[in-house]
Amino acid sequence: WPAEEVMTYYMLSRPEDFKDKRICELGSGVGLAGLALAATINSAKIEMTDGNTQAVASLKVAVESSQKAEGGLQCSNISAKELIWSEDVAPYSEADSFDYVVAADCL
């Protein structure tokens, strides 16, 4: 998905905008943007979401593998969760607020 690559490039070229920020990525898919950001910038929190159960399972494996890899991740507070846009998002409270909500190639 080309827009994911562009969004990733944009975020990585502006590290000062994302350092110490809470970021939610909608429609993370394979997690390119979220994982690249977590690997290079110490954000306060990165939450990658997707509506596809299999994609979320793969994201969780990717996060775990990346955390264990040599060099690990700069952002230690990274997670993946299923988020269905047509369902109630009540689990999110003010404490779960984000500085940025980002999305690319979402249909």
PDB file of N, CA and C in Angstrom:
ATOM      1  N   TRP A   1       0.830  -1.172   0.000  1.00  0.00           N
ATOM      2  CA  TRP A   1       0.000   0.000   0.000  1.00  0.00           C
ATOM      3  C   TRP A   1       0.885   1.250   0.000  1.00  0.00           C
ATOM      4  N   PRO A   2       0.901   1.997  -1.082  1.00  0.00           N
ATOM      5  CA  PRO A   2       1.830   3.123  -1.198  1.00  0.00           C
ATOM      6  C   PRO A   2       1.617   4.237  -0.168  1.00  0.00           C
ATOM      7  N   ALA A   3       0.387   4.511   0.232  1.00  0.00           N
ATOM      8  CA  ALA A   3       0.174   5.596   1.186  1.00  0.00           C
ATOM      9  C   ALA A   3       0.793   5.274   2.544  1.00  0.00           C
ATOM     10  N   GLU A   4       0.834   4.008   2.918  1.00  0.00           N
ATOM     11  CA  GLU A   4       1.480   3.599   4.174  1.00  0.00           C
ATOM     12  C   GLU A   4       2.967   3.930   4.136  1.00  0.00           C
ATOM     13  N   GLU A   5       3.579   3.696   2.996  1.00  0.00           N
ATOM     14  CA  GLU A   5       5.003   4.020   2.846  1.00  0.00           C
ATOM     15  C   GLU A   5       5.237   5.530   2.944  1.00  0.00           C
ATOM     16  N   VAL A   6       4.369   6.303   2.340  1.00  0.00           N
ATOM     17  CA  VAL A   6       4.498   7.765   2.393  1.00  0.00           C
ATOM     18  C   VAL A   6       4.283   8.261   3.816  1.00  0.00           C
ATOM     19  N   MET A   7       3.264   7.723   4.504  1.00  0.00           N
ATOM     20  CA  MET A   7       3.019   8.130   5.883  1.00  0.00           C
ATOM     21  C   MET A   7       4.208   7.765   6.775  1.00  0.00           C
ATOM     22  N   THR A   8       4.776   6.603   6.566  1.00  0.00           N
ATOM     23  CA  THR A   8       5.945   6.173   7.340  1.00  0.00           C
ATOM     24  C   THR A   8       7.106   7.137   7.109  1.00  0.00           C
ATOM     25  N   TYR A   9       7.367   7.456   5.863  1.00  0.00           N
ATOM     26  CA  TYR A   9       8.442   8.402   5.530  1.00  0.00           C
ATOM     27  C   TYR A   9       8.192   9.749   6.203  1.00  0.00           C
ATOM     28  N   TYR A  10       6.968  10.224   6.129  1.00  0.00           N
ATOM     29  CA  TYR A  10       6.619  11.513   6.725  1.00  0.00           C
ATOM     30  C   TYR A  10       6.891  11.495   8.232  1.00  0.00           C
ATOM     31  N   MET A  11       6.421  10.468   8.915  1.00  0.00           N
ATOM     32  CA  MET A  11       6.596  10.413  10.370  1.00  0.00           C
ATOM     33  C   MET A  11       8.070  10.294  10.747  1.00  0.00           C
ATOM     34  N   LEU A  12       8.822   9.489  10.021  1.00  0.00           N
ATOM     35  CA  LEU A  12      10.240   9.314  10.348  1.00  0.00           C
ATOM     36  C   LEU A  12      11.063  10.554  10.024  1.00  0.00           C
ATOM     37  N   SER A  13      10.582  11.374   9.096  1.00  0.00           N
ATOM     38  CA  SER A  13      11.308  12.596   8.755  1.00  0.00           C
ATOM     39  C   SER A  13      10.993  13.739   9.722  1.00  0.00           C
ATOM     40  N   ARG A  14      10.068  13.510  10.658  1.00  0.00           N
ATOM     41  CA  ARG A  14       9.685  14.528  11.636  1.00  0.00           C
ATOM     42  C   ARG A  14       9.727  13.953  13.051  1.00  0.00           C
ATOM     43  N   PRO A  15      10.875  13.437  13.477  1.00  0.00           N
ATOM     44  CA  PRO A  15      10.936  12.776  14.790  1.00  0.00           C
ATOM     45  C   PRO A  15      10.538  13.683  15.946  1.00  0.00           C
ATOM     46  N   GLU A  16      10.804  14.973  15.827  1.00  0.00           N
ATOM     47  CA  GLU A  16      10.463  15.897  16.910  1.00  0.00           C
ATOM     48  C   GLU A  16       8.952  15.991  17.132  1.00  0.00           C
ATOM     49  N   ASP A  17       8.171  15.739  16.081  1.00  0.00           N
ATOM     50  CA  ASP A  17       6.711  15.798  16.208  1.00  0.00           C
ATOM     51  C   ASP A  17       6.145  14.599  16.959  1.00  0.00           C
ATOM     52  N   PHE A  18       6.835  13.471  16.936  1.00  0.00           N
ATOM     53  CA  PHE A  18       6.298  12.231  17.485  1.00  0.00           C
ATOM     54  C   PHE A  18       6.998  11.769  18.765  1.00  0.00           C
ATOM     55  N   LYS A  19       8.111  12.405  19.121  1.00  0.00           N
ATOM     56  CA  LYS A  19       8.823  12.042  20.350  1.00  0.00           C
ATOM     57  C   LYS A  19       7.949  12.365  21.556  1.00  0.00           C
ATOM     58  N   ASP A  20       7.849  11.410  22.461  1.00  0.00           N
ATOM     59  CA  ASP A  20       7.076  11.559  23.706  1.00  0.00           C
ATOM     60  C   ASP A  20       5.590  11.801  23.468  1.00  0.00           C
ATOM     61  N   LYS A  21       5.077  11.429  22.317  1.00  0.00           N
ATOM     62  CA  LYS A  21       3.653  11.598  22.006  1.00  0.00           C
ATOM     63  C   LYS A  21       2.944  10.251  22.047  1.00  0.00           C
ATOM     64  N   ARG A  22       1.621  10.309  22.220  1.00  0.00           N
ATOM     65  CA  ARG A  22       0.772   9.111  22.223  1.00  0.00           C
ATOM     66  C   ARG A  22       0.109   9.026  20.847  1.00  0.00           C
ATOM     67  N   ILE A  23       0.354   7.921  20.142  1.00  0.00           N
ATOM     68  CA  ILE A  23      -0.068   7.782  18.756  1.00  0.00           C
ATOM     69  C   ILE A  23      -0.950   6.554  18.587  1.00  0.00           C
ATOM     70  N   CYS A  24      -2.048   6.724  17.889  1.00  0.00           N
ATOM     71  CA  CYS A  24      -2.920   5.605  17.524  1.00  0.00           C
ATOM     72  C   CYS A  24      -2.913   5.503  16.006  1.00  0.00           C
ATOM     73  N   GLU A  25      -2.606   4.314  15.521  1.00  0.00           N
ATOM     74  CA  GLU A  25      -2.655   4.086  14.067  1.00  0.00           C
ATOM     75  C   GLU A  25      -3.884   3.252  13.754  1.00  0.00           C
ATOM     76  N   LEU A  26      -4.733   3.770  12.879  1.00  0.00           N
ATOM     77  CA  LEU A  26      -5.919   3.048  12.431  1.00  0.00           C
ATOM     78  C   LEU A  26      -5.575   2.244  11.185  1.00  0.00           C
ATOM     79  N   GLY A  27      -6.087   1.034  11.098  1.00  0.00           N
ATOM     80  CA  GLY A  27      -5.852   0.210   9.916  1.00  0.00           C
ATOM     81  C   GLY A  27      -4.384  -0.100   9.716  1.00  0.00           C
ATOM     82  N   SER A  28      -3.727  -0.572  10.754  1.00  0.00           N
ATOM     83  CA  SER A  28      -2.276  -0.791  10.716  1.00  0.00           C
ATOM     84  C   SER A  28      -1.828  -1.855   9.726  1.00  0.00           C
ATOM     85  N   GLY A  29      -2.684  -2.806   9.410  1.00  0.00           N
ATOM     86  CA  GLY A  29      -2.291  -3.860   8.476  1.00  0.00           C
ATOM     87  C   GLY A  29      -1.085  -4.623   8.986  1.00  0.00           C
ATOM     88  N   VAL A  30       0.010  -4.589   8.246  1.00  0.00           N
ATOM     89  CA  VAL A  30       1.227  -5.304   8.659  1.00  0.00           C
ATOM     90  C   VAL A  30       2.064  -4.498   9.642  1.00  0.00           C
ATOM     91  N   GLY A  31       1.687  -3.255   9.911  1.00  0.00           N
ATOM     92  CA  GLY A  31       2.343  -2.465  10.946  1.00  0.00           C
ATOM     93  C   GLY A  31       3.571  -1.698  10.521  1.00  0.00           C
ATOM     94  N   LEU A  32       3.748  -1.458   9.240  1.00  0.00           N
ATOM     95  CA  LEU A  32       4.946  -0.761   8.760  1.00  0.00           C
ATOM     96  C   LEU A  32       5.168   0.552   9.500  1.00  0.00           C
ATOM     97  N   ALA A  33       4.189   1.430   9.499  1.00  0.00           N
ATOM     98  CA  ALA A  33       4.366   2.758  10.088  1.00  0.00           C
ATOM     99  C   ALA A  33       4.580   2.682  11.600  1.00  0.00           C
ATOM    100  N   GLY A  34       3.740   1.951  12.290  1.00  0.00           N
ATOM    101  CA  GLY A  34       3.853   1.863  13.744  1.00  0.00           C
ATOM    102  C   GLY A  34       5.152   1.234  14.199  1.00  0.00           C
ATOM    103  N   LEU A  35       5.546   0.159  13.548  1.00  0.00           N
ATOM    104  CA  LEU A  35       6.793  -0.515  13.930  1.00  0.00           C
ATOM    105  C   LEU A  35       8.021   0.327  13.579  1.00  0.00           C
ATOM    106  N   ALA A  36       7.989   0.982  12.420  1.00  0.00           N
ATOM    107  CA  ALA A  36       9.117   1.849  12.045  1.00  0.00           C
ATOM    108  C   ALA A  36       9.249   3.006  13.022  1.00  0.00           C
ATOM    109  N   LEU A  37       8.132   3.583  13.414  1.00  0.00           N
ATOM    110  CA  LEU A  37       8.153   4.673  14.377  1.00  0.00           C
ATOM    111  C   LEU A  37       8.683   4.175  15.722  1.00  0.00           C
ATOM    112  N   ALA A  38       8.202   3.028  16.178  1.00  0.00           N
ATOM    113  CA  ALA A  38       8.639   2.471  17.464  1.00  0.00           C
ATOM    114  C   ALA A  38      10.118   2.105  17.458  1.00  0.00           C
ATOM    115  N   ALA A  39      10.635   1.737  16.300  1.00  0.00           N
ATOM    116  CA  ALA A  39      12.046   1.345  16.205  1.00  0.00           C
ATOM    117  C   ALA A  39      12.985   2.537  16.241  1.00  0.00           C
ATOM    118  N   THR A  40      12.515   3.703  15.857  1.00  0.00           N
ATOM    119  CA  THR A  40      13.420   4.836  15.694  1.00  0.00           C
ATOM    120  C   THR A  40      13.145   6.030  16.601  1.00  0.00           C
ATOM    121  N   ILE A  41      11.930   6.142  17.136  1.00  0.00           N
ATOM    122  CA  ILE A  41      11.551   7.316  17.920  1.00  0.00           C
ATOM    123  C   ILE A  41      10.951   6.864  19.244  1.00  0.00           C
ATOM    124  N   ASN A  42      11.356   7.501  20.324  1.00  0.00           N
ATOM    125  CA  ASN A  42      10.845   7.159  21.642  1.00  0.00           C
ATOM    126  C   ASN A  42       9.531   7.892  21.890  1.00  0.00           C
ATOM    127  N   SER A  43       8.460   7.363  21.336  1.00  0.00           N
ATOM    128  CA  SER A  43       7.129   7.917  21.568  1.00  0.00           C
ATOM    129  C   SER A  43       6.630   7.433  22.926  1.00  0.00           C
ATOM    130  N   ALA A  44       5.694   8.168  23.525  1.00  0.00           N
ATOM    131  CA  ALA A  44       5.149   7.768  24.818  1.00  0.00           C
ATOM    132  C   ALA A  44       4.324   6.495  24.700  1.00  0.00           C
ATOM    133  N   LYS A  45       3.596   6.370  23.588  1.00  0.00           N
ATOM    134  CA  LYS A  45       2.758   5.191  23.366  1.00  0.00           C
ATOM    135  C   LYS A  45       2.446   5.096  21.885  1.00  0.00           C
ATOM    136  N   ILE A  46       2.466   3.868  21.375  1.00  0.00           N
ATOM    137  CA  ILE A  46       2.012   3.612  20.005  1.00  0.00           C
ATOM    138  C   ILE A  46       1.016   2.471  20.084  1.00  0.00           C
ATOM    139  N   GLU A  47      -0.198   2.740  19.658  1.00  0.00           N
ATOM    140  CA  GLU A  47      -1.225   1.708  19.625  1.00  0.00           C
ATOM    141  C   GLU A  47      -1.616   1.474  18.169  1.00  0.00           C
ATOM    142  N   MET A  48      -1.307   0.293  17.678  1.00  0.00           N
ATOM    143  CA  MET A  48      -1.651  -0.070  16.307  1.00  0.00           C
ATOM    144  C   MET A  48      -2.976  -0.824  16.341  1.00  0.00           C
ATOM    145  N   THR A  49      -3.906  -0.429  15.484  1.00  0.00           N
ATOM    146  CA  THR A  49      -5.213  -1.066  15.469  1.00  0.00           C
ATOM    147  C   THR A  49      -5.556  -1.535  14.062  1.00  0.00           C
ATOM    148  N   ASP A  50      -6.403  -2.534  14.008  1.00  0.00           N
ATOM    149  CA  ASP A  50      -6.914  -3.020  12.738  1.00  0.00           C
ATOM    150  C   ASP A  50      -8.231  -3.728  13.012  1.00  0.00           C
ATOM    151  N   GLY A  51      -9.098  -3.772  12.030  1.00  0.00           N
ATOM    152  CA  GLY A  51     -10.380  -4.452  12.174  1.00  0.00           C
ATOM    153  C   GLY A  51     -10.329  -5.916  11.803  1.00  0.00           C
ATOM    154  N   ASN A  52      -9.190  -6.374  11.318  1.00  0.00           N
ATOM    155  CA  ASN A  52      -9.030  -7.760  10.894  1.00  0.00           C
ATOM    156  C   ASN A  52      -8.320  -8.549  12.001  1.00  0.00           C
ATOM    157  N   THR A  53      -8.986  -9.567  12.507  1.00  0.00           N
ATOM    158  CA  THR A  53      -8.449 -10.367  13.615  1.00  0.00           C
ATOM    159  C   THR A  53      -7.098 -10.979  13.278  1.00  0.00           C
ATOM    160  N   GLN A  54      -6.953 -11.483  12.064  1.00  0.00           N
ATOM    161  CA  GLN A  54      -5.680 -12.095  11.666  1.00  0.00           C
ATOM    162  C   GLN A  54      -4.566 -11.050  11.577  1.00  0.00           C
ATOM    163  N   ALA A  55      -4.898  -9.869  11.100  1.00  0.00           N
ATOM    164  CA  ALA A  55      -3.898  -8.796  11.022  1.00  0.00           C
ATOM    165  C   ALA A  55      -3.429  -8.421  12.418  1.00  0.00           C
ATOM    166  N   VAL A  56      -4.344  -8.349  13.370  1.00  0.00           N
ATOM    167  CA  VAL A  56      -3.977  -7.990  14.747  1.00  0.00           C
ATOM    168  C   VAL A  56      -3.093  -9.073  15.359  1.00  0.00           C
ATOM    169  N   ALA A  57      -3.422 -10.331  15.098  1.00  0.00           N
ATOM    170  CA  ALA A  57      -2.587 -11.429  15.606  1.00  0.00           C
ATOM    171  C   ALA A  57      -1.173 -11.325  15.038  1.00  0.00           C
ATOM    172  N   SER A  58      -1.067 -11.013  13.760  1.00  0.00           N
ATOM    173  CA  SER A  58       0.249 -10.847  13.134  1.00  0.00           C
ATOM    174  C   SER A  58       0.988  -9.634  13.701  1.00  0.00           C
ATOM    175  N   LEU A  59       0.256  -8.553  13.966  1.00  0.00           N
ATOM    176  CA  LEU A  59       0.868  -7.363  14.561  1.00  0.00           C
ATOM    177  C   LEU A  59       1.444  -7.682  15.941  1.00  0.00           C
ATOM    178  N   LYS A  60       0.709  -8.456  16.725  1.00  0.00           N
ATOM    179  CA  LYS A  60       1.188  -8.813  18.070  1.00  0.00           C
ATOM    180  C   LYS A  60       2.477  -9.626  17.992  1.00  0.00           C
ATOM    181  N   VAL A  61       2.552 -10.549  17.036  1.00  0.00           N
ATOM    182  CA  VAL A  61       3.773 -11.334  16.836  1.00  0.00           C
ATOM    183  C   VAL A  61       4.914 -10.417  16.396  1.00  0.00           C
ATOM    184  N   ALA A  62       4.628  -9.492  15.494  1.00  0.00           N
ATOM    185  CA  ALA A  62       5.656  -8.571  15.010  1.00  0.00           C
ATOM    186  C   ALA A  62       6.183  -7.676  16.131  1.00  0.00           C
ATOM    187  N   VAL A  63       5.290  -7.208  16.987  1.00  0.00           N
ATOM    188  CA  VAL A  63       5.710  -6.371  18.120  1.00  0.00           C
ATOM    189  C   VAL A  63       6.608  -7.174  19.049  1.00  0.00           C
ATOM    190  N   GLU A  64       6.172  -8.366  19.388  1.00  0.00           N
ATOM    191  CA  GLU A  64       6.962  -9.211  20.292  1.00  0.00           C
ATOM    192  C   GLU A  64       8.330  -9.530  19.702  1.00  0.00           C
ATOM    193  N   SER A  65       8.361  -9.874  18.429  1.00  0.00           N
ATOM    194  CA  SER A  65       9.631 -10.190  17.765  1.00  0.00           C
ATOM    195  C   SER A  65      10.543  -8.974  17.715  1.00  0.00           C
ATOM    196  N   SER A  66       9.969  -7.822  17.434  1.00  0.00           N
ATOM    197  CA  SER A  66      10.762  -6.586  17.355  1.00  0.00           C
ATOM    198  C   SER A  66      11.330  -6.200  18.716  1.00  0.00           C
ATOM    199  N   GLN A  67      10.567  -6.422  19.758  1.00  0.00           N
ATOM    200  CA  GLN A  67      11.058  -6.102  21.098  1.00  0.00           C
ATOM    201  C   GLN A  67      12.233  -6.992  21.492  1.00  0.00           C
ATOM    202  N   LYS A  68      12.235  -8.227  20.999  1.00  0.00           N
ATOM    203  CA  LYS A  68      13.295  -9.177  21.340  1.00  0.00           C
ATOM    204  C   LYS A  68      14.514  -9.058  20.430  1.00  0.00           C
ATOM    205  N   ALA A  69      14.358  -8.386  19.303  1.00  0.00           N
ATOM    206  CA  ALA A  69      15.449  -8.268  18.329  1.00  0.00           C
ATOM    207  C   ALA A  69      16.583  -7.414  18.885  1.00  0.00           C
ATOM    208  N   GLU A  70      17.768  -7.637  18.355  1.00  0.00           N
ATOM    209  CA  GLU A  70      18.924  -6.833  18.758  1.00  0.00           C
ATOM    210  C   GLU A  70      18.616  -5.359  18.499  1.00  0.00           C
ATOM    211  N   GLY A  71      18.812  -4.550  19.482  1.00  0.00           N
ATOM    212  CA  GLY A  71      18.490  -3.123  19.352  1.00  0.00           C
ATOM    213  C   GLY A  71      17.081  -2.808  19.809  1.00  0.00           C
ATOM    214  N   GLY A  72      16.200  -3.791  19.764  1.00  0.00           N
ATOM    215  CA  GLY A  72      14.832  -3.628  20.249  1.00  0.00           C
ATOM    216  C   GLY A  72      14.097  -2.459  19.633  1.00  0.00           C
ATOM    217  N   LEU A  73      13.198  -1.906  20.402  1.00  0.00           N
ATOM    218  CA  LEU A  73      12.399  -0.769  19.974  1.00  0.00           C
ATOM    219  C   LEU A  73      12.687   0.419  20.882  1.00  0.00           C
ATOM    220  N   GLN A  74      12.696   1.621  20.327  1.00  0.00           N
ATOM    221  CA  GLN A  74      12.866   2.832  21.124  1.00  0.00           C
ATOM    222  C   GLN A  74      11.642   3.063  22.016  1.00  0.00           C
ATOM    223  N   CYS A  75      10.461   2.748  21.484  1.00  0.00           N
ATOM    224  CA  CYS A  75       9.213   2.917  22.224  1.00  0.00           C
ATOM    225  C   CYS A  75       8.855   1.582  22.869  1.00  0.00           C
ATOM    226  N   SER A  76       8.855   1.545  24.185  1.00  0.00           N
ATOM    227  CA  SER A  76       8.551   0.292  24.880  1.00  0.00           C
ATOM    228  C   SER A  76       7.058   0.109  25.115  1.00  0.00           C
ATOM    229  N   ASN A  77       6.276   1.161  24.969  1.00  0.00           N
ATOM    230  CA  ASN A  77       4.835   1.094  25.190  1.00  0.00           C
ATOM    231  C   ASN A  77       4.134   1.006  23.838  1.00  0.00           C
ATOM    232  N   ILE A  78       4.188  -0.166  23.237  1.00  0.00           N
ATOM    233  CA  ILE A  78       3.575  -0.389  21.921  1.00  0.00           C
ATOM    234  C   ILE A  78       2.645  -1.583  22.029  1.00  0.00           C
ATOM    235  N   SER A  79       1.494  -1.471  21.396  1.00  0.00           N
ATOM    236  CA  SER A  79       0.518  -2.553  21.460  1.00  0.00           C
ATOM    237  C   SER A  79      -0.254  -2.644  20.155  1.00  0.00           C
ATOM    238  N   ALA A  80      -0.949  -3.766  20.007  1.00  0.00           N
ATOM    239  CA  ALA A  80      -1.815  -3.990  18.852  1.00  0.00           C
ATOM    240  C   ALA A  80      -3.158  -4.485  19.368  1.00  0.00           C
ATOM    241  N   LYS A  81      -4.222  -3.914  18.840  1.00  0.00           N
ATOM    242  CA  LYS A  81      -5.541  -4.362  19.279  1.00  0.00           C
ATOM    243  C   LYS A  81      -6.536  -4.253  18.136  1.00  0.00           C
ATOM    244  N   GLU A  82      -7.572  -5.053  18.242  1.00  0.00           N
ATOM    245  CA  GLU A  82      -8.631  -5.028  17.244  1.00  0.00           C
ATOM    246  C   GLU A  82      -9.536  -3.834  17.524  1.00  0.00           C
ATOM    247  N   LEU A  83      -9.851  -3.107  16.471  1.00  0.00           N
ATOM    248  CA  LEU A  83     -10.754  -1.975  16.573  1.00  0.00           C
ATOM    249  C   LEU A  83     -11.691  -2.004  15.371  1.00  0.00           C
ATOM    250  N   ILE A  84     -12.960  -2.238  15.649  1.00  0.00           N
ATOM    251  CA  ILE A  84     -13.997  -2.250  14.612  1.00  0.00           C
ATOM    252  C   ILE A  84     -14.673  -0.883  14.644  1.00  0.00           C
ATOM    253  N   TRP A  85     -14.552  -0.130  13.572  1.00  0.00           N
ATOM    254  CA  TRP A  85     -15.041   1.239  13.555  1.00  0.00           C
ATOM    255  C   TRP A  85     -16.545   1.345  13.764  1.00  0.00           C
ATOM    256  N   SER A  86     -17.302   0.344  13.323  1.00  0.00           N
ATOM    257  CA  SER A  86     -18.756   0.425  13.436  1.00  0.00           C
ATOM    258  C   SER A  86     -19.259   0.035  14.824  1.00  0.00           C
ATOM    259  N   GLU A  87     -18.362  -0.373  15.702  1.00  0.00           N
ATOM    260  CA  GLU A  87     -18.758  -0.761  17.050  1.00  0.00           C
ATOM    261  C   GLU A  87     -18.425   0.337  18.043  1.00  0.00           C
ATOM    262  N   ASP A  88     -19.024   0.256  19.199  1.00  0.00           N
ATOM    263  CA  ASP A  88     -18.820   1.229  20.258  1.00  0.00           C
ATOM    264  C   ASP A  88     -17.351   1.263  20.658  1.00  0.00           C
ATOM    265  N   VAL A  89     -16.800   2.449  20.792  1.00  0.00           N
ATOM    266  CA  VAL A  89     -15.408   2.586  21.223  1.00  0.00           C
ATOM    267  C   VAL A  89     -15.350   3.046  22.675  1.00  0.00           C
ATOM    268  N   ALA A  90     -16.338   2.668  23.452  1.00  0.00           N
ATOM    269  CA  ALA A  90     -16.410   3.053  24.857  1.00  0.00           C
ATOM    270  C   ALA A  90     -15.174   2.677  25.669  1.00  0.00           C
ATOM    271  N   PRO A  91     -14.449   1.588  25.321  1.00  0.00           N
ATOM    272  CA  PRO A  91     -13.266   1.270  26.120  1.00  0.00           C
ATOM    273  C   PRO A  91     -12.224   2.384  26.147  1.00  0.00           C
ATOM    274  N   TYR A  92     -12.310   3.325  25.234  1.00  0.00           N
ATOM    275  CA  TYR A  92     -11.366   4.440  25.225  1.00  0.00           C
ATOM    276  C   TYR A  92     -11.906   5.544  26.127  1.00  0.00           C
ATOM    277  N   SER A  93     -11.097   5.988  27.045  1.00  0.00           N
ATOM    278  CA  SER A  93     -11.487   7.058  27.955  1.00  0.00           C
ATOM    279  C   SER A  93     -10.528   8.227  27.765  1.00  0.00           C
ATOM    280  N   GLU A  94     -10.715   9.269  28.531  1.00  0.00           N
ATOM    281  CA  GLU A  94      -9.816  10.416  28.439  1.00  0.00           C
ATOM    282  C   GLU A  94      -8.378  10.011  28.739  1.00  0.00           C
ATOM    283  N   ALA A  95      -8.220   9.042  29.630  1.00  0.00           N
ATOM    284  CA  ALA A  95      -6.875   8.552  29.953  1.00  0.00           C
ATOM    285  C   ALA A  95      -6.234   7.848  28.765  1.00  0.00           C
ATOM    286  N   ASP A  96      -7.066   7.380  27.836  1.00  0.00           N
ATOM    287  CA  ASP A  96      -6.577   6.701  26.642  1.00  0.00           C
ATOM    288  C   ASP A  96      -6.456   7.649  25.456  1.00  0.00           C
ATOM    289  N   SER A  97      -6.450   8.933  25.700  1.00  0.00           N
ATOM    290  CA  SER A  97      -6.411   9.888  24.597  1.00  0.00           C
ATOM    291  C   SER A  97      -5.064   9.829  23.876  1.00  0.00           C
ATOM    292  N   PHE A  98      -5.065  10.347  22.664  1.00  0.00           N
ATOM    293  CA  PHE A  98      -3.870  10.320  21.820  1.00  0.00           C
ATOM    294  C   PHE A  98      -3.545  11.726  21.339  1.00  0.00           C
ATOM    295  N   ASP A  99      -2.263  11.962  21.141  1.00  0.00           N
ATOM    296  CA  ASP A  99      -1.839  13.232  20.552  1.00  0.00           C
ATOM    297  C   ASP A  99      -2.058  13.219  19.038  1.00  0.00           C
ATOM    298  N   TYR A 100      -1.862  12.048  18.440  1.00  0.00           N
ATOM    299  CA  TYR A 100      -2.052  11.875  16.999  1.00  0.00           C
ATOM    300  C   TYR A 100      -2.821  10.590  16.726  1.00  0.00           C
ATOM    301  N   VAL A 101      -3.746  10.669  15.791  1.00  0.00           N
ATOM    302  CA  VAL A 101      -4.391   9.485  15.228  1.00  0.00           C
ATOM    303  C   VAL A 101      -4.020   9.512  13.754  1.00  0.00           C
ATOM    304  N   VAL A 102      -3.343   8.465  13.293  1.00  0.00           N
ATOM    305  CA  VAL A 102      -2.875   8.433  11.919  1.00  0.00           C
ATOM    306  C   VAL A 102      -3.480   7.248  11.178  1.00  0.00           C
ATOM    307  N   ALA A 103      -3.628   7.396   9.883  1.00  0.00           N
ATOM    308  CA  ALA A 103      -4.199   6.328   9.057  1.00  0.00           C
ATOM    309  C   ALA A 103      -3.767   6.528   7.619  1.00  0.00           C
ATOM    310  N   ALA A 104      -3.564   5.423   6.934  1.00  0.00           N
ATOM    311  CA  ALA A 104      -3.250   5.453   5.503  1.00  0.00           C
ATOM    312  C   ALA A 104      -3.909   4.253   4.847  1.00  0.00           C
ATOM    313  N   ASP A 105      -4.386   4.428   3.658  1.00  0.00           N
ATOM    314  CA  ASP A 105      -4.992   3.328   2.892  1.00  0.00           C
ATOM    315  C   ASP A 105      -6.159   2.668   3.605  1.00  0.00           C
ATOM    316  N   CYS A 106      -6.897   3.430   4.399  1.00  0.00           N
ATOM    317  CA  CYS A 106      -8.058   2.865   5.085  1.00  0.00           C
ATOM    318  C   CYS A 106      -9.278   2.998   4.196  1.00  0.00           C
ATOM    319  N   LEU A 107      -9.988   1.906   4.085  1.00  0.00           N
ATOM    320  CA  LEU A 107     -11.182   1.898   3.236  1.00  0.00           C
ATOM    321  C   LEU A 107     -12.434   1.874   4.069  1.00  0.00           C
TER     322      LEU A 107
END
